[in-house]
């Protein structure tokens, strides 16, 4: 990306918009998949915690939660959940970045259209 978009030839600007649009659409698809994976991981984690809490011999709810969350199975699911959340958030940030670049390129295209009228 050049530091001065105004210096780009119109053909180059059009090509850049097309490339960023394709990357944005690709990233949007990956983000939707990551959201689904995160949702699945969240559901599995919550279910495992609930099952562990039900089978716990601890006397208070706080102790049951602590016992459930320290279970090896729940700890692995928590790790998976955390990774899914990080990937989802990473893609969300990249999607926002592509959208910001496209908005800036679109403004330049509009400015050129208005200047040529």
Protein backbone atom coordinates (compact mmCIF):
# COMPACT_ATOMS: atom_id res chain seq x y z
CA UNK A 1 0.00 0.00 0.00
CA UNK A 2 1.56 3.30 -1.03
CA UNK A 3 1.71 6.11 1.50
CA UNK A 4 -0.08 8.46 -0.92
CA UNK A 5 -3.09 6.81 -2.51
CA UNK A 6 -3.65 9.89 -4.64
CA UNK A 7 -0.45 9.02 -6.53
CA UNK A 8 -1.90 5.72 -7.76
CA UNK A 9 -3.06 5.51 -11.35
CA UNK A 10 -6.78 4.78 -11.69
CA UNK A 11 -6.09 1.29 -13.04
CA UNK A 12 -3.86 0.53 -10.07
CA UNK A 13 -6.50 1.88 -7.69
CA UNK A 14 -9.16 -0.31 -9.27
CA UNK A 15 -6.91 -3.37 -9.05
CA UNK A 16 -6.10 -2.62 -5.42
CA UNK A 17 -9.80 -2.31 -4.57
CA UNK A 18 -10.49 -5.63 -6.27
CA UNK A 19 -7.67 -7.36 -4.37
CA UNK A 20 -8.70 -5.93 -1.00
CA UNK A 21 -12.32 -6.85 -1.68
CA UNK A 22 -11.32 -10.44 -2.44
CA UNK A 23 -9.20 -10.64 0.73
CA UNK A 24 -12.00 -9.10 2.78
CA UNK A 25 -14.52 -11.65 1.48
CA UNK A 26 -12.08 -14.51 2.12
CA UNK A 27 -11.41 -13.26 5.65
CA UNK A 28 -15.13 -12.80 6.27
CA UNK A 29 -15.74 -16.46 5.37
CA UNK A 30 -12.93 -17.59 7.68
CA UNK A 31 -14.31 -15.35 10.43
CA UNK A 32 -17.75 -16.93 10.15
CA UNK A 33 -16.17 -20.38 10.40
CA UNK A 34 -14.14 -19.25 13.42
CA UNK A 35 -17.32 -17.96 15.08
CA UNK A 36 -18.95 -21.36 14.57
CA UNK A 37 -15.91 -23.18 15.98
CA UNK A 38 -15.83 -20.83 18.97
CA UNK A 39 -19.52 -21.41 19.62
CA UNK A 40 -19.01 -25.18 19.48
CA UNK A 41 -16.00 -25.01 21.82
CA UNK A 42 -17.94 -22.80 24.22
CA UNK A 43 -20.84 -25.24 24.27
CA UNK A 44 -18.56 -28.25 24.88
CA UNK A 45 -16.70 -26.39 27.64
CA UNK A 46 -19.91 -25.29 29.40
CA UNK A 47 -21.35 -28.81 29.21
CA UNK A 48 -18.16 -30.36 30.62
CA UNK A 49 -18.08 -27.84 33.50
CA UNK A 50 -21.74 -28.54 34.30
CA UNK A 51 -21.18 -32.31 34.26
CA UNK A 52 -18.13 -32.00 36.50
CA UNK A 53 -20.02 -29.75 38.91
CA UNK A 54 -22.87 -32.27 39.14
CA UNK A 55 -20.51 -35.13 39.93
CA UNK A 56 -18.44 -33.10 42.41
CA UNK A 57 -18.50 -34.02 46.10
CA UNK A 58 -17.66 -30.47 47.21
CA UNK A 59 -20.14 -28.70 49.51
CA UNK A 60 -20.38 -25.17 48.07
CA UNK A 61 -21.05 -23.96 44.54
CA UNK A 62 -17.73 -22.09 44.49
CA UNK A 63 -15.85 -25.23 45.49
CA UNK A 64 -17.73 -27.25 42.87
CA UNK A 65 -16.86 -24.72 40.15
CA UNK A 66 -13.22 -24.69 41.19
CA UNK A 67 -13.11 -28.47 41.24
CA UNK A 68 -14.82 -28.71 37.85
CA UNK A 69 -12.51 -26.18 36.20
CA UNK A 70 -9.42 -27.97 37.47
CA UNK A 71 -10.47 -31.25 35.89
CA UNK A 72 -8.01 -32.35 33.14
CA UNK A 73 -10.84 -32.75 30.62
CA UNK A 74 -12.22 -29.28 31.36
CA UNK A 75 -8.74 -27.74 31.28
CA UNK A 76 -8.15 -29.12 27.78
CA UNK A 77 -11.54 -27.80 26.63
CA UNK A 78 -10.69 -24.41 28.14
CA UNK A 79 -7.42 -24.36 26.18
CA UNK A 80 -9.35 -25.17 22.97
CA UNK A 81 -11.90 -22.47 23.81
CA UNK A 82 -9.18 -19.89 24.39
CA UNK A 83 -7.46 -20.72 21.09
CA UNK A 84 -10.78 -20.55 19.21
CA UNK A 85 -11.52 -17.17 20.80
CA UNK A 86 -8.09 -15.78 19.90
CA UNK A 87 -8.42 -16.94 16.28
CA UNK A 88 -11.93 -15.49 16.02
CA UNK A 89 -10.75 -12.15 17.43
CA UNK A 90 -7.68 -12.10 15.18
CA UNK A 91 -9.87 -12.56 12.11
CA UNK A 92 -12.33 -9.92 13.36
CA UNK A 93 -9.47 -7.42 13.66
CA UNK A 94 -8.14 -8.30 10.20
CA UNK A 95 -11.65 -7.96 8.77
CA UNK A 96 -11.95 -4.51 10.32
CA UNK A 97 -8.56 -3.54 8.89
CA UNK A 98 -9.56 -4.63 5.37
CA UNK A 99 -12.84 -2.72 5.72
CA UNK A 100 -10.99 0.43 6.78
CA UNK A 101 -8.62 0.20 3.81
CA UNK A 102 -11.53 -0.36 1.43
CA UNK A 103 -13.36 2.65 2.86
CA UNK A 104 -10.28 4.81 2.32
CA UNK A 105 -9.82 3.52 -1.24
CA UNK A 106 -13.50 4.10 -1.94
CA UNK A 107 -13.20 7.71 -0.74
CA UNK A 108 -10.27 8.22 -3.12
CA UNK A 109 -12.26 6.74 -5.98
CA UNK A 110 -15.21 9.02 -5.13
CA UNK A 111 -12.92 12.04 -4.87
CA UNK A 112 -11.55 11.31 -8.34
CA UNK A 113 -15.03 10.93 -9.75
CA UNK A 114 -16.11 14.26 -8.32
CA UNK A 115 -12.89 15.98 -9.47
CA UNK A 116 -13.39 14.74 -13.05
CA UNK A 117 -16.94 16.05 -13.37
